[in-house]
Amino acid sequence: MKVTFCAPTILTGRLPFGFVIQIFSPKDHLADAIGELWAVLFNGETEQHIPVKQEVPFRLCAFSTDSFEVRVGDALLEAGILKGALQNGNSSIEWILSFEGDSTPLLLLPLKLYESKFPVAKSLVSLPHASFSGKLIVNGETIIVDGWHGSQNHNWGVRHTDLYAWGQVAGFDNDAEAFLEIATARLRLGPFWSPPFTPIVLRYKGAEYGLQGLLQSLRAHGSFEYFTWKFKSEAEHLAIDGVITAPAQAFIGLTYYNPPGGVKYCLNTKIAECTLWVKDRVAGTVQKLETKNRAA
């Protein structure tokens, strides 16, 4: 089982920052469970990104069962507060941050699937449009964070999805209130691969457009290569067509443990470009949303 209790992602500001705190428990080896702590800073100007990670024995972790409070080593996450520090070799990141927001949670999957065994990996956005303040200290340099926008996310499952892309935009350059959550996933069923599923949820102009039902996700088109992802989904009243892309130097490579065994390799960036066309099929209008470097 892998449970990510909180993955705050700051997608705006001078230096996008991602932070993950989670439990990893290998299948049939509960005694080997650990806490994992990740922090990644992306610098789109210098292209020198800084990832750091720490693995902590489970006895040094604490996870509250009746409140939002998680500790991994000396790092703390609770409602509205996250703080901690990591160092790997010559790279170090310390964070002392508060976050707040009043957006309702966003579900990438239909509600009934969160209580089913399918899919085996699930995710939601606990707090879209979170606002972060405080400071980061990166290799000795202090960076003031003042009202930077991002999100708080939660995911869990007994194994990683076999092949997938995940994306998020917490505010576009031409519409700071719009919020996009999307995935394209394929599952391996014995020797066979499933068709791609592409659920999409867009909050736009005060409404939520959920194109995430199973049949809708199967009818949608989603395809990705290493650095470019194209997707399209059409419903009776709405069509969403988009692309998320970034150059190779905008990515870092991460290694994730897989609970059944082995590892999964992931290319990750928080400074991607996203262009989205939203078509009202009743009115016949098309709106364009775009960001040059605020997409995950």
Protein backbone atom coordinates (compact mmCIF):
# COMPACT_ATOMS: atom_id res chain seq x y z
CA MET A 1 0.00 0.00 0.00
CA LYS A 2 1.16 3.53 -0.75
CA VAL A 3 -0.66 6.48 0.79
CA THR A 4 0.27 10.07 0.04
CA PHE A 5 -1.27 12.08 2.87
CA CYS A 6 -0.55 15.42 1.33
CA ALA A 7 1.23 16.59 -1.76
CA PRO A 8 1.18 20.38 -1.68
CA THR A 9 2.17 21.79 -5.04
CA ILE A 10 3.00 25.46 -5.53
CA LEU A 11 2.52 26.10 -9.25
CA THR A 12 2.92 29.86 -9.33
CA GLY A 13 5.55 32.22 -8.09
CA ARG A 14 9.17 32.51 -9.12
CA LEU A 15 10.15 28.93 -8.32
CA PRO A 16 7.48 26.20 -8.43
CA PHE A 17 7.83 23.78 -5.54
CA GLY A 18 6.45 20.30 -4.88
CA PHE A 19 6.34 18.51 -1.53
CA VAL A 20 5.21 14.94 -0.78
CA ILE A 21 4.77 13.12 2.53
CA GLN A 22 3.63 9.50 2.40
CA ILE A 23 3.66 5.94 3.74
CA PHE A 24 5.08 3.10 1.68
CA SER A 25 4.27 -0.43 2.80
CA PRO A 26 5.54 -3.35 0.66
CA LYS A 27 2.99 -6.07 0.04
CA ASP A 28 3.25 -8.88 2.64
CA HIS A 29 6.16 -7.09 4.37
CA LEU A 30 4.52 -4.72 6.85
CA ALA A 31 7.65 -4.64 9.02
CA ASP A 32 9.47 -2.88 6.18
CA ALA A 33 7.04 0.04 5.99
CA ILE A 34 8.66 3.47 5.79
CA GLY A 35 7.77 7.12 5.62
CA GLU A 36 8.92 9.00 2.54
CA LEU A 37 9.56 12.71 2.33
CA TRP A 38 10.14 14.46 -0.99
CA ALA A 39 10.81 18.06 -1.93
CA VAL A 40 11.52 19.36 -5.43
CA LEU A 41 12.25 22.90 -6.56
CA PHE A 42 12.02 23.73 -10.28
CA ASN A 43 13.99 26.67 -11.64
CA GLY A 44 12.80 27.51 -15.14
CA GLU A 45 15.37 30.29 -15.51
CA THR A 46 18.56 28.35 -14.75
CA GLU A 47 17.14 24.88 -15.55
CA GLN A 48 18.89 23.67 -12.38
CA HIS A 49 16.19 21.75 -10.53
CA ILE A 50 16.72 20.49 -6.99
CA PRO A 51 15.12 17.20 -5.87
CA VAL A 52 15.75 15.84 -2.36
CA LYS A 53 14.32 12.76 -0.66
CA GLN A 54 14.49 11.09 2.75
CA GLU A 55 13.29 7.64 3.84
CA VAL A 56 12.37 7.34 7.51
CA PRO A 57 11.70 4.14 9.51
CA PHE A 58 8.03 3.81 10.30
CA ARG A 59 8.75 3.99 14.07
CA LEU A 60 9.84 7.62 13.50
CA CYS A 61 6.57 8.52 11.79
CA ALA A 62 3.23 9.49 13.31
CA PHE A 63 -0.12 9.55 11.51
CA SER A 64 -3.15 10.77 13.41
CA THR A 65 -6.35 8.79 12.94
CA ASP A 66 -8.72 11.55 14.10
CA SER A 67 -7.16 14.77 12.80
CA PHE A 68 -5.12 16.06 9.89
CA GLU A 69 -1.63 15.63 11.37
CA VAL A 70 1.32 13.74 9.90
CA ARG A 71 4.95 13.53 10.99
CA VAL A 72 7.81 11.92 9.07
CA GLY A 73 10.99 12.33 11.04
CA ASP A 74 11.16 16.00 11.97
CA ALA A 75 8.83 17.13 9.19
CA LEU A 76 5.30 18.16 10.14
CA LEU A 77 2.11 18.49 8.17
CA GLU A 78 -1.16 19.57 9.75
CA ALA A 79 -4.16 21.64 8.76
CA GLY A 80 -2.77 24.82 7.25
CA ILE A 81 0.88 24.22 8.20
CA LEU A 82 3.82 22.34 6.73
CA LYS A 83 7.44 22.53 7.77
CA GLY A 84 10.55 20.45 7.49
CA ALA A 85 14.01 20.18 6.00
CA LEU A 86 15.85 17.78 3.72
CA GLN A 87 19.44 17.40 2.59
CA ASN A 88 20.95 15.06 0.00
CA GLY A 89 24.64 15.57 -0.66
CA ASN A 90 25.17 19.24 -1.48
CA SER A 91 21.46 19.98 -1.98
CA SER A 92 19.20 21.15 0.83
CA ILE A 93 15.65 22.47 1.06
CA GLU A 94 13.92 23.76 4.17
CA TRP A 95 10.30 24.90 4.17
CA ILE A 96 8.22 26.80 6.71
CA LEU A 97 4.86 27.39 5.11
CA SER A 98 1.22 28.01 5.88
CA PHE A 99 -1.60 27.39 3.43
CA GLU A 100 -5.28 28.20 3.24
CA GLY A 101 -8.24 28.15 0.89
CA ASP A 102 -11.98 27.59 0.74
CA SER A 103 -12.40 25.58 -2.48
CA THR A 104 -14.29 22.31 -2.17
CA PRO A 105 -12.41 19.06 -2.91
CA LEU A 106 -12.18 17.99 -6.55
CA LEU A 107 -12.71 14.33 -7.47
CA LEU A 108 -10.94 13.08 -10.58
CA LEU A 109 -12.97 9.84 -10.50
CA PRO A 110 -16.73 9.27 -10.14
CA LEU A 111 -17.64 9.22 -6.44
CA LYS A 112 -18.71 5.55 -6.40
CA LEU A 113 -15.28 4.40 -7.60
CA TYR A 114 -13.61 5.67 -4.43
CA GLU A 115 -15.24 2.79 -2.54
CA SER A 116 -14.54 0.12 -5.19
CA LYS A 117 -11.45 -1.95 -5.95
CA PHE A 118 -11.19 -0.41 -9.42
CA PRO A 119 -9.03 1.42 -10.15
CA VAL A 120 -6.35 0.26 -7.72
CA ALA A 121 -4.80 3.75 -7.54
CA LYS A 122 -7.00 6.70 -6.63
CA SER A 123 -6.49 10.43 -6.26
CA LEU A 124 -8.32 13.63 -5.42
CA VAL A 125 -7.50 17.30 -4.93
CA SER A 126 -8.23 17.97 -1.26
CA LEU A 127 -7.80 21.72 -1.62
CA PRO A 128 -7.72 23.27 -5.08
CA HIS A 129 -6.52 26.85 -5.23
CA ALA A 130 -4.58 26.74 -1.98
CA SER A 131 -2.65 29.91 -1.15
CA PHE A 132 0.83 29.40 0.36
CA SER A 133 2.88 31.85 2.43
CA GLY A 134 6.11 31.59 4.40
CA LYS A 135 9.60 30.83 3.19
CA LEU A 136 11.83 28.29 1.49
CA ILE A 137 15.53 28.02 2.21
CA VAL A 138 17.26 26.40 -0.75
CA ASN A 139 21.00 25.75 -0.49
CA GLY A 140 21.22 28.59 2.01
CA GLU A 141 19.19 31.08 -0.06
CA THR A 142 15.93 32.32 1.47
CA ILE A 143 12.94 32.62 -0.85
CA ILE A 144 9.90 34.46 0.47
CA VAL A 145 6.59 32.85 -0.47
CA ASP A 146 3.74 35.36 -0.33
CA GLY A 147 0.35 34.21 -1.56
CA TRP A 148 1.68 31.73 -4.12
CA HIS A 149 -1.04 29.57 -5.63
CA GLY A 150 -1.14 25.79 -5.78
CA SER A 151 -3.06 22.86 -4.37
CA GLN A 152 -3.13 20.13 -1.75
CA ASN A 153 -3.55 16.64 -3.21
CA HIS A 154 -4.09 13.12 -1.89
CA ASN A 155 -3.52 9.75 -3.57
CA TRP A 156 -3.35 6.13 -2.47
CA GLY A 157 -3.43 2.56 -3.75
CA VAL A 158 -2.12 -0.99 -3.53
CA ARG A 159 0.03 -0.50 -6.64
CA HIS A 160 0.93 2.14 -9.17
CA THR A 161 -1.07 2.48 -12.36
CA ASP A 162 0.81 0.58 -15.05
CA LEU A 163 1.18 3.48 -17.50
CA TYR A 164 -0.14 6.97 -16.93
CA ALA A 165 0.19 10.71 -17.21
CA TRP A 166 -1.20 13.12 -14.62
CA GLY A 167 -1.65 16.85 -15.03
CA GLN A 168 -2.86 19.89 -13.15
CA VAL A 169 -3.15 23.64 -13.69
CA ALA A 170 -4.02 25.68 -10.60
CA GLY A 171 -4.83 28.89 -12.44
CA PHE A 172 -4.09 29.78 -16.05
CA ASP A 173 -2.22 32.87 -17.18
CA ASN A 174 -5.41 34.34 -18.66
CA ASP A 175 -7.81 33.01 -15.99
CA ALA A 176 -6.40 32.65 -12.49
CA GLU A 177 -9.61 31.06 -11.16
CA ALA A 178 -9.76 28.18 -13.65
CA PHE A 179 -8.52 24.80 -12.39
CA LEU A 180 -7.73 21.70 -14.46
CA GLU A 181 -7.20 18.13 -13.22
CA ILE A 182 -6.56 15.38 -15.76
CA ALA A 183 -5.05 11.94 -16.24
CA THR A 184 -4.54 9.44 -19.05
CA ALA A 185 -4.02 5.87 -17.86
CA ARG A 186 -3.67 2.37 -19.26
CA LEU A 187 -3.94 -0.82 -17.22
CA ARG A 188 -2.19 -4.12 -17.88
CA LEU A 189 -4.56 -7.08 -17.66
CA GLY A 190 -2.37 -10.17 -17.91
CA PRO A 191 -0.76 -10.05 -21.37
CA PHE A 192 -3.20 -7.38 -22.58
CA TRP A 193 -3.38 -3.60 -22.23
CA SER A 194 -6.59 -1.69 -21.68
CA PRO A 195 -7.51 1.23 -23.92
CA PRO A 196 -6.50 4.59 -22.45
CA PHE A 197 -8.82 6.19 -19.89
CA THR A 198 -8.75 10.01 -19.84
CA PRO A 199 -10.83 11.58 -17.03
CA ILE A 200 -10.93 15.38 -17.05
CA VAL A 201 -12.35 17.84 -14.53
CA LEU A 202 -12.34 21.58 -15.25
CA ARG A 203 -13.53 24.32 -12.92
CA TYR A 204 -14.21 27.36 -15.04
CA LYS A 205 -16.29 30.52 -14.62
CA GLY A 206 -17.92 29.31 -11.42
CA ALA A 207 -18.95 25.88 -12.75
CA GLU A 208 -17.42 22.40 -12.60
CA TYR A 209 -17.28 20.35 -15.78
CA GLY A 210 -16.70 16.71 -14.94
CA LEU A 211 -15.84 14.52 -17.92
CA GLN A 212 -14.68 11.66 -15.70
CA GLY A 213 -17.26 8.86 -15.99
CA LEU A 214 -15.87 5.50 -17.08
CA LEU A 215 -17.54 5.49 -20.51
CA GLN A 216 -16.75 9.16 -21.00
CA SER A 217 -13.10 8.54 -20.08
CA LEU A 218 -12.91 5.63 -22.53
CA ARG A 219 -14.45 7.66 -25.36
CA ALA A 220 -11.99 10.48 -24.73
CA HIS A 221 -8.69 10.67 -26.58
CA GLY A 222 -5.44 10.84 -24.62
CA SER A 223 -1.93 10.12 -25.88
CA PHE A 224 1.46 11.05 -24.51
CA GLU A 225 5.10 10.75 -25.42
CA TYR A 226 8.02 11.71 -23.22
CA PHE A 227 7.43 15.45 -23.20
CA THR A 228 4.08 16.08 -24.94
CA TRP A 229 0.55 15.02 -23.99
CA LYS A 230 -2.53 15.60 -26.14
CA PHE A 231 -6.09 15.01 -24.99
CA LYS A 232 -9.68 15.58 -26.06
CA SER A 233 -13.06 14.77 -24.55
CA GLU A 234 -16.55 15.59 -25.84
CA ALA A 235 -19.85 15.50 -23.98
CA GLU A 236 -23.33 16.57 -25.04
CA HIS A 237 -22.89 20.22 -24.15
CA LEU A 238 -19.12 20.63 -23.85
CA ALA A 239 -15.87 19.69 -25.55
CA ILE A 240 -12.37 20.07 -24.08
CA ASP A 241 -9.30 19.83 -26.29
CA GLY A 242 -5.78 20.47 -25.03
CA VAL A 243 -2.07 19.84 -24.90
CA ILE A 244 0.49 19.88 -22.08
CA THR A 245 4.15 20.03 -23.07
CA ALA A 246 7.58 21.05 -21.84
CA PRO A 247 11.16 20.69 -23.09
CA ALA A 248 13.26 17.81 -21.78
CA GLN A 249 15.32 20.10 -19.53
CA ALA A 250 12.16 21.09 -17.61
CA PHE A 251 11.79 17.54 -16.22
CA ILE A 252 13.42 15.51 -13.50
CA GLY A 253 13.35 11.71 -13.24
CA LEU A 254 11.95 10.16 -10.06
CA THR A 255 11.92 6.56 -8.86
CA TYR A 256 8.82 5.36 -7.02
CA TYR A 257 8.64 2.13 -5.06
CA ASN A 258 5.75 -0.10 -6.16
CA PRO A 259 4.00 -1.96 -3.29
CA PRO A 260 3.86 -5.33 -5.15
CA GLY A 261 7.62 -5.02 -5.78
CA GLY A 262 9.95 -3.26 -8.17
CA VAL A 263 9.91 0.42 -9.01
CA LYS A 264 8.14 2.82 -11.35
CA TYR A 265 10.01 5.60 -13.15
CA CYS A 266 8.36 8.97 -13.51
CA LEU A 267 9.22 12.13 -15.42
CA ASN A 268 7.93 15.11 -13.46
CA THR A 269 7.77 18.85 -14.04
CA LYS A 270 5.91 21.76 -12.49
CA ILE A 271 6.80 24.29 -15.20
CA ALA A 272 5.00 22.89 -18.24
CA GLU A 273 2.97 24.75 -20.85
CA CYS A 274 -0.74 24.02 -21.22
CA THR A 275 -3.18 25.19 -23.88
CA LEU A 276 -6.85 24.32 -23.50
CA TRP A 277 -9.79 24.96 -25.80
CA VAL A 278 -13.22 24.84 -24.14
CA LYS A 279 -16.13 24.62 -26.57
CA ASP A 280 -19.73 25.27 -25.60
CA ARG A 281 -21.46 22.98 -28.11
CA VAL A 282 -24.84 24.63 -27.52
CA ALA A 283 -23.76 28.25 -27.96
CA GLY A 284 -21.07 27.36 -30.50
CA THR A 285 -18.43 29.42 -28.66
CA VAL A 286 -14.81 28.46 -28.00
CA GLN A 287 -12.70 29.83 -25.14
CA LYS A 288 -8.92 29.43 -24.99
CA LEU A 289 -7.12 28.96 -21.69
CA GLU A 290 -3.33 28.92 -21.59
CA THR A 291 -0.30 29.04 -19.35
CA LYS A 292 3.33 29.16 -20.41
CA ASN A 293 4.90 27.61 -17.31
CA ARG A 294 2.34 26.93 -14.57
CA ALA A 295 1.25 23.37 -15.40
CA ALA A 296 2.25 20.18 -13.60
